[in-house]
Amino acid sequence: MSGFDPGQLSNRVALERPVRTADGSGGATVDWVEVATLWAAIEPVAAGEIFAADRLATRVTHRITMRHRTDVEGGMRIVHRGRVLRIEAWRDPDETRRFLVLEAVEERP
């Protein structure tokens, strides 16, 4: 990542985490709470069709680069222009704690 230009962090996105609340019937509801609004670079990686729940579904993956954070966890998501990108994995590409690269899948209704 030594050649990465921070000027490419041109998309304003929201980083959200799930909050589970008991519903009183033994189950739970999930609400999303914004952790931060930040700048990121979003790059589509692949698109394809998968067979899920007895129907064909489109799967679109993205690579998201942002400034390094220590609070990214499994189950979080990025929201960008109304699109929801579920974070599947993240890494510090050169171990310098300058940037994080997230692998994400777009959730489609």
PDB file of N, CA and C in Angstrom:
ATOM      1  N   MET A   1       0.819  -1.200   0.000  1.00  0.00           N
ATOM      2  CA  MET A   1       0.000   0.000   0.000  1.00  0.00           C
ATOM      3  C   MET A   1       0.858   1.258   0.000  1.00  0.00           C
ATOM      4  N   SER A   2       2.144   1.124  -0.104  1.00  0.00           N
ATOM      5  CA  SER A   2       2.993   2.306  -0.018  1.00  0.00           C
ATOM      6  C   SER A   2       2.692   3.300  -1.130  1.00  0.00           C
ATOM      7  N   GLY A   3       2.178   2.849  -2.266  1.00  0.00           N
ATOM      8  CA  GLY A   3       1.870   3.744  -3.369  1.00  0.00           C
ATOM      9  C   GLY A   3       0.433   4.221  -3.380  1.00  0.00           C
ATOM     10  N   PHE A   4      -0.340   3.953  -2.327  1.00  0.00           N
ATOM     11  CA  PHE A   4      -1.746   4.353  -2.286  1.00  0.00           C
ATOM     12  C   PHE A   4      -1.856   5.851  -2.057  1.00  0.00           C
ATOM     13  N   ASP A   5      -2.680   6.506  -2.853  1.00  0.00           N
ATOM     14  CA  ASP A   5      -2.913   7.942  -2.733  1.00  0.00           C
ATOM     15  C   ASP A   5      -4.123   8.186  -1.841  1.00  0.00           C
ATOM     16  N   PRO A   6      -3.954   8.799  -0.666  1.00  0.00           N
ATOM     17  CA  PRO A   6      -5.086   9.051   0.223  1.00  0.00           C
ATOM     18  C   PRO A   6      -6.182   9.896  -0.428  1.00  0.00           C
ATOM     19  N   GLY A   7      -5.860  10.600  -1.508  1.00  0.00           N
ATOM     20  CA  GLY A   7      -6.867  11.367  -2.243  1.00  0.00           C
ATOM     21  C   GLY A   7      -7.928  10.478  -2.874  1.00  0.00           C
ATOM     22  N   GLN A   8      -7.660   9.176  -2.970  1.00  0.00           N
ATOM     23  CA  GLN A   8      -8.647   8.239  -3.520  1.00  0.00           C
ATOM     24  C   GLN A   8      -9.753   7.924  -2.520  1.00  0.00           C
ATOM     25  N   LEU A   9      -9.596   8.346  -1.265  1.00  0.00           N
ATOM     26  CA  LEU A   9     -10.637   8.147  -0.257  1.00  0.00           C
ATOM     27  C   LEU A   9     -11.698   9.227  -0.476  1.00  0.00           C
ATOM     28  N   SER A  10     -12.485   9.073  -1.541  1.00  0.00           N
ATOM     29  CA  SER A  10     -13.389  10.134  -1.986  1.00  0.00           C
ATOM     30  C   SER A  10     -14.868   9.831  -1.767  1.00  0.00           C
ATOM     31  N   ASN A  11     -15.189   8.706  -1.156  1.00  0.00           N
ATOM     32  CA  ASN A  11     -16.591   8.364  -0.908  1.00  0.00           C
ATOM     33  C   ASN A  11     -16.895   8.528   0.577  1.00  0.00           C
ATOM     34  N   ARG A  12     -17.941   9.290   0.885  1.00  0.00           N
ATOM     35  CA  ARG A  12     -18.360   9.469   2.284  1.00  0.00           C
ATOM     36  C   ARG A  12     -19.263   8.289   2.634  1.00  0.00           C
ATOM     37  N   VAL A  13     -18.880   7.521   3.644  1.00  0.00           N
ATOM     38  CA  VAL A  13     -19.617   6.309   4.021  1.00  0.00           C
ATOM     39  C   VAL A  13     -19.884   6.324   5.527  1.00  0.00           C
ATOM     40  N   ALA A  14     -20.835   5.490   5.931  1.00  0.00           N
ATOM     41  CA  ALA A  14     -21.123   5.304   7.359  1.00  0.00           C
ATOM     42  C   ALA A  14     -20.714   3.891   7.746  1.00  0.00           C
ATOM     43  N   LEU A  15     -19.996   3.769   8.845  1.00  0.00           N
ATOM     44  CA  LEU A  15     -19.643   2.482   9.420  1.00  0.00           C
ATOM     45  C   LEU A  15     -20.669   2.210  10.519  1.00  0.00           C
ATOM     46  N   GLU A  16     -21.353   1.062  10.442  1.00  0.00           N
ATOM     47  CA  GLU A  16     -22.416   0.743  11.396  1.00  0.00           C
ATOM     48  C   GLU A  16     -22.166  -0.593  12.064  1.00  0.00           C
ATOM     49  N   ARG A  17     -22.666  -0.718  13.288  1.00  0.00           N
ATOM     50  CA  ARG A  17     -22.584  -1.985  14.016  1.00  0.00           C
ATOM     51  C   ARG A  17     -23.987  -2.398  14.428  1.00  0.00           C
ATOM     52  N   PRO A  18     -24.228  -3.718  14.539  1.00  0.00           N
ATOM     53  CA  PRO A  18     -25.552  -4.188  14.949  1.00  0.00           C
ATOM     54  C   PRO A  18     -25.715  -4.102  16.466  1.00  0.00           C
ATOM     55  N   VAL A  19     -26.930  -3.788  16.889  1.00  0.00           N
ATOM     56  CA  VAL A  19     -27.282  -3.791  18.306  1.00  0.00           C
ATOM     57  C   VAL A  19     -28.528  -4.653  18.439  1.00  0.00           C
ATOM     58  N   ARG A  20     -28.399  -5.734  19.214  1.00  0.00           N
ATOM     59  CA  ARG A  20     -29.519  -6.646  19.411  1.00  0.00           C
ATOM     60  C   ARG A  20     -30.272  -6.264  20.677  1.00  0.00           C
ATOM     61  N   THR A  21     -31.604  -6.234  20.569  1.00  0.00           N
ATOM     62  CA  THR A  21     -32.454  -5.902  21.693  1.00  0.00           C
ATOM     63  C   THR A  21     -33.481  -7.011  21.868  1.00  0.00           C
ATOM     64  N   ALA A  22     -33.622  -7.512  23.092  1.00  0.00           N
ATOM     65  CA  ALA A  22     -34.609  -8.556  23.366  1.00  0.00           C
ATOM     66  C   ALA A  22     -36.004  -8.026  23.046  1.00  0.00           C
ATOM     67  N   ASP A  23     -36.819  -8.878  22.414  1.00  0.00           N
ATOM     68  CA  ASP A  23     -38.164  -8.448  22.046  1.00  0.00           C
ATOM     69  C   ASP A  23     -39.223  -8.872  23.066  1.00  0.00           C
ATOM     70  N   GLY A  24     -38.814  -9.520  24.157  1.00  0.00           N
ATOM     71  CA  GLY A  24     -39.748  -9.927  25.194  1.00  0.00           C
ATOM     72  C   GLY A  24     -40.437 -11.253  24.929  1.00  0.00           C
ATOM     73  N   SER A  25     -40.195 -11.831  23.774  1.00  0.00           N
ATOM     74  CA  SER A  25     -40.808 -13.117  23.420  1.00  0.00           C
ATOM     75  C   SER A  25     -39.757 -14.202  23.230  1.00  0.00           C
ATOM     76  N   GLY A  26     -38.564 -13.958  23.739  1.00  0.00           N
ATOM     77  CA  GLY A  26     -37.494 -14.931  23.590  1.00  0.00           C
ATOM     78  C   GLY A  26     -36.622 -14.697  22.373  1.00  0.00           C
ATOM     79  N   GLY A  27     -36.978 -13.741  21.554  1.00  0.00           N
ATOM     80  CA  GLY A  27     -36.195 -13.422  20.363  1.00  0.00           C
ATOM     81  C   GLY A  27     -35.502 -12.085  20.530  1.00  0.00           C
ATOM     82  N   ALA A  28     -35.036 -11.542  19.428  1.00  0.00           N
ATOM     83  CA  ALA A  28     -34.355 -10.252  19.468  1.00  0.00           C
ATOM     84  C   ALA A  28     -34.576  -9.518  18.155  1.00  0.00           C
ATOM     85  N   THR A  29     -34.516  -8.206  18.224  1.00  0.00           N
ATOM     86  CA  THR A  29     -34.536  -7.386  17.020  1.00  0.00           C
ATOM     87  C   THR A  29     -33.141  -6.801  16.844  1.00  0.00           C
ATOM     88  N   VAL A  30     -32.789  -6.535  15.614  1.00  0.00           N
ATOM     89  CA  VAL A  30     -31.473  -5.971  15.316  1.00  0.00           C
ATOM     90  C   VAL A  30     -31.658  -4.564  14.761  1.00  0.00           C
ATOM     91  N   ASP A  31     -31.035  -3.625  15.410  1.00  0.00           N
ATOM     92  CA  ASP A  31     -30.990  -2.247  14.926  1.00  0.00           C
ATOM     93  C   ASP A  31     -29.541  -1.923  14.590  1.00  0.00           C
ATOM     94  N   TRP A  32     -29.355  -0.939  13.730  1.00  0.00           N
ATOM     95  CA  TRP A  32     -28.001  -0.553  13.318  1.00  0.00           C
ATOM     96  C   TRP A  32     -27.676   0.816  13.877  1.00  0.00           C
ATOM     97  N   VAL A  33     -26.504   0.936  14.474  1.00  0.00           N
ATOM     98  CA  VAL A  33     -26.040   2.179  15.073  1.00  0.00           C
ATOM     99  C   VAL A  33     -24.798   2.644  14.330  1.00  0.00           C
ATOM    100  N   GLU A  34     -24.793   3.911  13.950  1.00  0.00           N
ATOM    101  CA  GLU A  34     -23.634   4.457  13.247  1.00  0.00           C
ATOM    102  C   GLU A  34     -22.474   4.644  14.217  1.00  0.00           C
ATOM    103  N   VAL A  35     -21.341   4.063  13.869  1.00  0.00           N
ATOM    104  CA  VAL A  35     -20.124   4.177  14.669  1.00  0.00           C
ATOM    105  C   VAL A  35     -19.331   5.408  14.231  1.00  0.00           C
ATOM    106  N   ALA A  36     -19.270   5.631  12.911  1.00  0.00           N
ATOM    107  CA  ALA A  36     -18.486   6.749  12.379  1.00  0.00           C
ATOM    108  C   ALA A  36     -18.917   7.048  10.949  1.00  0.00           C
ATOM    109  N   THR A  37     -18.718   8.287  10.556  1.00  0.00           N
ATOM    110  CA  THR A  37     -18.820   8.682   9.156  1.00  0.00           C
ATOM    111  C   THR A  37     -17.396   8.958   8.714  1.00  0.00           C
ATOM    112  N   LEU A  38     -16.996   8.349   7.601  1.00  0.00           N
ATOM    113  CA  LEU A  38     -15.599   8.457   7.194  1.00  0.00           C
ATOM    114  C   LEU A  38     -15.455   8.448   5.687  1.00  0.00           C
ATOM    115  N   TRP A  39     -14.244   8.736   5.237  1.00  0.00           N
ATOM    116  CA  TRP A  39     -13.923   8.728   3.808  1.00  0.00           C
ATOM    117  C   TRP A  39     -13.318   7.383   3.438  1.00  0.00           C
ATOM    118  N   ALA A  40     -13.723   6.860   2.292  1.00  0.00           N
ATOM    119  CA  ALA A  40     -13.235   5.551   1.846  1.00  0.00           C
ATOM    120  C   ALA A  40     -13.156   5.497   0.323  1.00  0.00           C
ATOM    121  N   ALA A  41     -12.354   4.577  -0.161  1.00  0.00           N
ATOM    122  CA  ALA A  41     -12.310   4.247  -1.589  1.00  0.00           C
ATOM    123  C   ALA A  41     -13.072   2.937  -1.747  1.00  0.00           C
ATOM    124  N   ILE A  42     -13.997   2.877  -2.693  1.00  0.00           N
ATOM    125  CA  ILE A  42     -14.795   1.674  -2.913  1.00  0.00           C
ATOM    126  C   ILE A  42     -14.543   1.185  -4.328  1.00  0.00           C
ATOM    127  N   GLU A  43     -14.148  -0.075  -4.426  1.00  0.00           N
ATOM    128  CA  GLU A  43     -13.813  -0.678  -5.716  1.00  0.00           C
ATOM    129  C   GLU A  43     -14.623  -1.955  -5.898  1.00  0.00           C
ATOM    130  N   PRO A  44     -15.497  -2.014  -6.922  1.00  0.00           N
ATOM    131  CA  PRO A  44     -16.182  -3.270  -7.209  1.00  0.00           C
ATOM    132  C   PRO A  44     -15.147  -4.319  -7.614  1.00  0.00           C
ATOM    133  N   VAL A  45     -15.298  -5.535  -7.097  1.00  0.00           N
ATOM    134  CA  VAL A  45     -14.324  -6.584  -7.380  1.00  0.00           C
ATOM    135  C   VAL A  45     -14.901  -7.626  -8.322  1.00  0.00           C
ATOM    136  N   ALA A  46     -16.065  -8.144  -7.972  1.00  0.00           N
ATOM    137  CA  ALA A  46     -16.648  -9.208  -8.791  1.00  0.00           C
ATOM    138  C   ALA A  46     -18.161  -9.187  -8.672  1.00  0.00           C
ATOM    139  N   ALA A  47     -18.814  -9.714  -9.693  1.00  0.00           N
ATOM    140  CA  ALA A  47     -20.265  -9.870  -9.676  1.00  0.00           C
ATOM    141  C   ALA A  47     -20.579 -11.220 -10.312  1.00  0.00           C
ATOM    142  N   GLY A  48     -21.575 -11.856  -9.766  1.00  0.00           N
ATOM    143  CA  GLY A  48     -21.967 -13.146 -10.308  1.00  0.00           C
ATOM    144  C   GLY A  48     -23.307 -13.561  -9.741  1.00  0.00           C
ATOM    145  N   GLU A  49     -23.761 -14.703 -10.185  1.00  0.00           N
ATOM    146  CA  GLU A  49     -25.030 -15.219  -9.700  1.00  0.00           C
ATOM    147  C   GLU A  49     -24.777 -16.439  -8.835  1.00  0.00           C
ATOM    148  N   ILE A  50     -25.546 -16.554  -7.763  1.00  0.00           N
ATOM    149  CA  ILE A  50     -25.478 -17.718  -6.893  1.00  0.00           C
ATOM    150  C   ILE A  50     -26.895 -18.234  -6.703  1.00  0.00           C
ATOM    151  N   PHE A  51     -27.005 -19.502  -6.396  1.00  0.00           N
ATOM    152  CA  PHE A  51     -28.310 -20.092  -6.134  1.00  0.00           C
ATOM    153  C   PHE A  51     -28.508 -20.119  -4.628  1.00  0.00           C
ATOM    154  N   ALA A  52     -29.479 -19.359  -4.151  1.00  0.00           N
ATOM    155  CA  ALA A  52     -29.736 -19.274  -2.711  1.00  0.00           C
ATOM    156  C   ALA A  52     -31.235 -19.204  -2.470  1.00  0.00           C
ATOM    157  N   ALA A  53     -31.705 -19.929  -1.476  1.00  0.00           N
ATOM    158  CA  ALA A  53     -33.125 -19.939  -1.094  1.00  0.00           C
ATOM    159  C   ALA A  53     -34.015 -20.249  -2.289  1.00  0.00           C
ATOM    160  N   ASP A  54     -33.628 -21.259  -3.051  1.00  0.00           N
ATOM    161  CA  ASP A  54     -34.398 -21.728  -4.206  1.00  0.00           C
ATOM    162  C   ASP A  54     -34.596 -20.682  -5.296  1.00  0.00           C
ATOM    163  N   ARG A  55     -33.663 -19.759  -5.404  1.00  0.00           N
ATOM    164  CA  ARG A  55     -33.743 -18.777  -6.486  1.00  0.00           C
ATOM    165  C   ARG A  55     -32.347 -18.285  -6.819  1.00  0.00           C
ATOM    166  N   LEU A  56     -32.205 -17.692  -7.983  1.00  0.00           N
ATOM    167  CA  LEU A  56     -30.938 -17.109  -8.384  1.00  0.00           C
ATOM    168  C   LEU A  56     -30.802 -15.738  -7.756  1.00  0.00           C
ATOM    169  N   ALA A  57     -29.645 -15.439  -7.221  1.00  0.00           N
ATOM    170  CA  ALA A  57     -29.387 -14.139  -6.610  1.00  0.00           C
ATOM    171  C   ALA A  57     -28.077 -13.597  -7.156  1.00  0.00           C
ATOM    172  N   THR A  58     -27.991 -12.282  -7.230  1.00  0.00           N
ATOM    173  CA  THR A  58     -26.764 -11.636  -7.679  1.00  0.00           C
ATOM    174  C   THR A  58     -25.876 -11.374  -6.472  1.00  0.00           C
ATOM    175  N   ARG A  59     -24.593 -11.670  -6.618  1.00  0.00           N
ATOM    176  CA  ARG A  59     -23.619 -11.409  -5.546  1.00  0.00           C
ATOM    177  C   ARG A  59     -22.578 -10.444  -6.095  1.00  0.00           C
ATOM    178  N   VAL A  60     -22.475  -9.281  -5.453  1.00  0.00           N
ATOM    179  CA  VAL A  60     -21.520  -8.266  -5.860  1.00  0.00           C
ATOM    180  C   VAL A  60     -20.568  -8.030  -4.695  1.00  0.00           C
ATOM    181  N   THR A  61     -19.269  -8.178  -4.950  1.00  0.00           N
ATOM    182  CA  THR A  61     -18.279  -7.958  -3.898  1.00  0.00           C
ATOM    183  C   THR A  61     -17.523  -6.655  -4.151  1.00  0.00           C
ATOM    184  N   HIS A  62     -17.044  -6.065  -3.062  1.00  0.00           N
ATOM    185  CA  HIS A  62     -16.340  -4.786  -3.129  1.00  0.00           C
ATOM    186  C   HIS A  62     -15.108  -4.829  -2.237  1.00  0.00           C
ATOM    187  N   ARG A  63     -14.127  -4.043  -2.595  1.00  0.00           N
ATOM    188  CA  ARG A  63     -12.956  -3.816  -1.758  1.00  0.00           C
ATOM    189  C   ARG A  63     -13.044  -2.355  -1.302  1.00  0.00           C
ATOM    190  N   ILE A  64     -13.020  -2.152   0.004  1.00  0.00           N
ATOM    191  CA  ILE A  64     -13.157  -0.811   0.573  1.00  0.00           C
ATOM    192  C   ILE A  64     -11.872  -0.486   1.328  1.00  0.00           C
ATOM    193  N   THR A  65     -11.266   0.633   0.977  1.00  0.00           N
ATOM    194  CA  THR A  65     -10.050   1.079   1.664  1.00  0.00           C
ATOM    195  C   THR A  65     -10.391   2.323   2.461  1.00  0.00           C
ATOM    196  N   MET A  66      -9.957   2.339   3.734  1.00  0.00           N
ATOM    197  CA  MET A  66     -10.202   3.487   4.594  1.00  0.00           C
ATOM    198  C   MET A  66      -9.009   3.660   5.519  1.00  0.00           C
ATOM    199  N   ARG A  67      -8.964   4.759   6.221  1.00  0.00           N
ATOM    200  CA  ARG A  67      -7.890   4.968   7.197  1.00  0.00           C
ATOM    201  C   ARG A  67      -8.027   3.936   8.306  1.00  0.00           C
ATOM    202  N   HIS A  68      -6.905   3.559   8.892  1.00  0.00           N
ATOM    203  CA  HIS A  68      -6.875   2.504   9.904  1.00  0.00           C
ATOM    204  C   HIS A  68      -7.748   2.855  11.106  1.00  0.00           C
ATOM    205  N   ARG A  69      -8.487   1.853  11.592  1.00  0.00           N
ATOM    206  CA  ARG A  69      -9.303   1.972  12.803  1.00  0.00           C
ATOM    207  C   ARG A  69      -9.097   0.698  13.610  1.00  0.00           C
ATOM    208  N   THR A  70      -9.253   0.797  14.909  1.00  0.00           N
ATOM    209  CA  THR A  70      -9.105  -0.393  15.747  1.00  0.00           C
ATOM    210  C   THR A  70     -10.449  -0.966  16.179  1.00  0.00           C
ATOM    211  N   ASP A  71     -11.550  -0.331  15.784  1.00  0.00           N
ATOM    212  CA  ASP A  71     -12.863  -0.778  16.255  1.00  0.00           C
ATOM    213  C   ASP A  71     -13.683  -1.538  15.211  1.00  0.00           C
ATOM    214  N   VAL A  72     -13.075  -1.949  14.109  1.00  0.00           N
ATOM    215  CA  VAL A  72     -13.797  -2.733  13.104  1.00  0.00           C
ATOM    216  C   VAL A  72     -13.926  -4.169  13.608  1.00  0.00           C
ATOM    217  N   GLU A  73     -15.153  -4.701  13.542  1.00  0.00           N
ATOM    218  CA  GLU A  73     -15.430  -6.050  14.040  1.00  0.00           C
ATOM    219  C   GLU A  73     -16.304  -6.804  13.048  1.00  0.00           C
ATOM    220  N   GLY A  74     -16.346  -8.119  13.239  1.00  0.00           N
ATOM    221  CA  GLY A  74     -17.238  -8.943  12.437  1.00  0.00           C
ATOM    222  C   GLY A  74     -18.682  -8.531  12.658  1.00  0.00           C
ATOM    223  N   GLY A  75     -19.485  -8.594  11.616  1.00  0.00           N
ATOM    224  CA  GLY A  75     -20.893  -8.245  11.716  1.00  0.00           C
ATOM    225  C   GLY A  75     -21.190  -6.794  11.387  1.00  0.00           C
ATOM    226  N   MET A  76     -20.156  -5.963  11.233  1.00  0.00           N
ATOM    227  CA  MET A  76     -20.370  -4.554  10.909  1.00  0.00           C
ATOM    228  C   MET A  76     -20.677  -4.408   9.422  1.00  0.00           C
ATOM    229  N   ARG A  77     -21.106  -3.207   9.054  1.00  0.00           N
ATOM    230  CA  ARG A  77     -21.410  -2.942   7.651  1.00  0.00           C
ATOM    231  C   ARG A  77     -21.065  -1.506   7.308  1.00  0.00           C
ATOM    232  N   ILE A  78     -20.938  -1.270   6.000  1.00  0.00           N
ATOM    233  CA  ILE A  78     -20.715   0.067   5.450  1.00  0.00           C
ATOM    234  C   ILE A  78     -21.980   0.439   4.685  1.00  0.00           C
ATOM    235  N   VAL A  79     -22.457   1.662   4.865  1.00  0.00           N
ATOM    236  CA  VAL A  79     -23.595   2.161   4.096  1.00  0.00           C
ATOM    237  C   VAL A  79     -23.091   3.298   3.231  1.00  0.00           C
ATOM    238  N   HIS A  80     -23.368   3.180   1.926  1.00  0.00           N
ATOM    239  CA  HIS A  80     -22.898   4.184   0.962  1.00  0.00           C
ATOM    240  C   HIS A  80     -23.996   4.449  -0.055  1.00  0.00           C
ATOM    241  N   ARG A  81     -24.504   5.676  -0.067  1.00  0.00           N
ATOM    242  CA  ARG A  81     -25.548   6.082  -1.018  1.00  0.00           C
ATOM    243  C   ARG A  81     -26.738   5.125  -1.006  1.00  0.00           C
ATOM    244  N   GLY A  82     -27.148   4.704   0.185  1.00  0.00           N
ATOM    245  CA  GLY A  82     -28.295   3.820   0.318  1.00  0.00           C
ATOM    246  C   GLY A  82     -27.989   2.344   0.104  1.00  0.00           C
ATOM    247  N   ARG A  83     -26.780   2.031  -0.307  1.00  0.00           N
ATOM    248  CA  ARG A  83     -26.387   0.631  -0.490  1.00  0.00           C
ATOM    249  C   ARG A  83     -25.747   0.118   0.792  1.00  0.00           C
ATOM    250  N   VAL A  84     -25.990  -1.150   1.091  1.00  0.00           N
ATOM    251  CA  VAL A  84     -25.452  -1.770   2.295  1.00  0.00           C
ATOM    252  C   VAL A  84     -24.381  -2.770   1.883  1.00  0.00           C
ATOM    253  N   LEU A  85     -23.173  -2.614   2.439  1.00  0.00           N
ATOM    254  CA  LEU A  85     -22.048  -3.484   2.133  1.00  0.00           C
ATOM    255  C   LEU A  85     -21.640  -4.193   3.419  1.00  0.00           C
ATOM    256  N   ARG A  86     -21.921  -5.484   3.492  1.00  0.00           N
ATOM    257  CA  ARG A  86     -21.635  -6.290   4.687  1.00  0.00           C
ATOM    258  C   ARG A  86     -20.161  -6.657   4.705  1.00  0.00           C
ATOM    259  N   ILE A  87     -19.467  -6.307   5.789  1.00  0.00           N
ATOM    260  CA  ILE A  87     -18.031  -6.571   5.908  1.00  0.00           C
ATOM    261  C   ILE A  87     -17.808  -8.049   6.209  1.00  0.00           C
ATOM    262  N   GLU A  88     -17.044  -8.711   5.368  1.00  0.00           N
ATOM    263  CA  GLU A  88     -16.738 -10.132   5.573  1.00  0.00           C
ATOM    264  C   GLU A  88     -15.338 -10.342   6.145  1.00  0.00           C
ATOM    265  N   ALA A  89     -14.397  -9.475   5.790  1.00  0.00           N
ATOM    266  CA  ALA A  89     -13.021  -9.608   6.282  1.00  0.00           C
ATOM    267  C   ALA A  89     -12.343  -8.251   6.168  1.00  0.00           C
ATOM    268  N   TRP A  90     -11.278  -8.069   6.930  1.00  0.00           N
ATOM    269  CA  TRP A  90     -10.498  -6.840   6.867  1.00  0.00           C
ATOM    270  C   TRP A  90      -9.052  -7.149   7.207  1.00  0.00           C
ATOM    271  N   ARG A  91      -8.165  -6.272   6.714  1.00  0.00           N
ATOM    272  CA  ARG A  91      -6.734  -6.483   6.959  1.00  0.00           C
ATOM    273  C   ARG A  91      -5.991  -5.155   6.855  1.00  0.00           C
ATOM    274  N   ASP A  92      -4.857  -5.108   7.519  1.00  0.00           N
ATOM    275  CA  ASP A  92      -3.919  -4.004   7.391  1.00  0.00           C
ATOM    276  C   ASP A  92      -2.933  -4.473   6.319  1.00  0.00           C
ATOM    277  N   PRO A  93      -3.030  -3.975   5.091  1.00  0.00           N
ATOM    278  CA  PRO A  93      -2.292  -4.571   3.964  1.00  0.00           C
ATOM    279  C   PRO A  93      -0.773  -4.556   4.085  1.00  0.00           C
ATOM    280  N   ASP A  94      -0.204  -3.569   4.764  1.00  0.00           N
ATOM    281  CA  ASP A  94       1.260  -3.538   4.880  1.00  0.00           C
ATOM    282  C   ASP A  94       1.720  -3.413   6.335  1.00  0.00           C
ATOM    283  N   GLU A  95       0.821  -3.664   7.273  1.00  0.00           N
ATOM    284  CA  GLU A  95       1.137  -3.673   8.715  1.00  0.00           C
ATOM    285  C   GLU A  95       1.723  -2.354   9.214  1.00  0.00           C
ATOM    286  N   THR A  96       1.282  -1.239   8.611  1.00  0.00           N
ATOM    287  CA  THR A  96       1.761   0.072   9.044  1.00  0.00           C
ATOM    288  C   THR A  96       0.722   0.840   9.853  1.00  0.00           C
ATOM    289  N   ARG A  97      -0.476   0.289   9.983  1.00  0.00           N
ATOM    290  CA  ARG A  97      -1.586   0.927  10.693  1.00  0.00           C
ATOM    291  C   ARG A  97      -1.976   2.262  10.065  1.00  0.00           C
ATOM    292  N   ARG A  98      -1.797   2.348   8.745  1.00  0.00           N
ATOM    293  CA  ARG A  98      -2.221   3.550   8.019  1.00  0.00           C
ATOM    294  C   ARG A  98      -3.587   3.354   7.386  1.00  0.00           C
ATOM    295  N   PHE A  99      -3.817   2.173   6.804  1.00  0.00           N
ATOM    296  CA  PHE A  99      -5.062   1.898   6.095  1.00  0.00           C
ATOM    297  C   PHE A  99      -5.605   0.534   6.495  1.00  0.00           C
ATOM    298  N   LEU A 100      -6.905   0.356   6.292  1.00  0.00           N
ATOM    299  CA  LEU A 100      -7.550  -0.949   6.388  1.00  0.00           C
ATOM    300  C   LEU A 100      -8.181  -1.235   5.039  1.00  0.00           C
ATOM    301  N   VAL A 101      -8.110  -2.473   4.608  1.00  0.00           N
ATOM    302  CA  VAL A 101      -8.783  -2.911   3.394  1.00  0.00           C
ATOM    303  C   VAL A 101      -9.857  -3.899   3.824  1.00  0.00           C
ATOM    304  N   LEU A 102     -11.103  -3.580   3.490  1.00  0.00           N
ATOM    305  CA  LEU A 102     -12.243  -4.418   3.843  1.00  0.00           C
ATOM    306  C   LEU A 102     -12.715  -5.173   2.621  1.00  0.00           C
ATOM    307  N   GLU A 103     -13.070  -6.431   2.803  1.00  0.00           N
ATOM    308  CA  GLU A 103     -13.734  -7.204   1.754  1.00  0.00           C
ATOM    309  C   GLU A 103     -15.208  -7.224   2.148  1.00  0.00           C
ATOM    310  N   ALA A 104     -16.082  -6.810   1.236  1.00  0.00           N
ATOM    311  CA  ALA A 104     -17.489  -6.685   1.573  1.00  0.00           C
ATOM    312  C   ALA A 104     -18.379  -7.214   0.448  1.00  0.00           C
ATOM    313  N   VAL A 105     -19.586  -7.611   0.839  1.00  0.00           N
ATOM    314  CA  VAL A 105     -20.582  -8.101  -0.095  1.00  0.00           C
ATOM    315  C   VAL A 105     -21.787  -7.193  -0.010  1.00  0.00           C
ATOM    316  N   GLU A 106     -22.281  -6.760  -1.180  1.00  0.00           N
ATOM    317  CA  GLU A 106     -23.450  -5.888  -1.208  1.00  0.00           C
ATOM    318  C   GLU A 106     -24.704  -6.694  -0.879  1.00  0.00           C
ATOM    319  N   GLU A 107     -25.471  -6.214   0.087  1.00  0.00           N
ATOM    320  CA  GLU A 107     -26.731  -6.866   0.435  1.00  0.00           C
ATOM    321  C   GLU A 107     -27.816  -6.286  -0.435  1.00  0.00           C
ATOM    322  N   ARG A 108     -28.543  -7.163  -1.108  1.00  0.00           N
ATOM    323  CA  ARG A 108     -29.589  -6.725  -2.010  1.00  0.00           C
ATOM    324  C   ARG A 108     -30.933  -7.206  -1.515  1.00  0.00           C
ATOM    325  N   PRO A 109     -31.943  -6.357  -1.614  1.00  0.00           N
ATOM    326  CA  PRO A 109     -33.279  -6.764  -1.143  1.00  0.00           C
ATOM    327  C   PRO A 109     -33.896  -7.852  -1.993  1.00  0.00           C
TER     328      PRO A 109
END
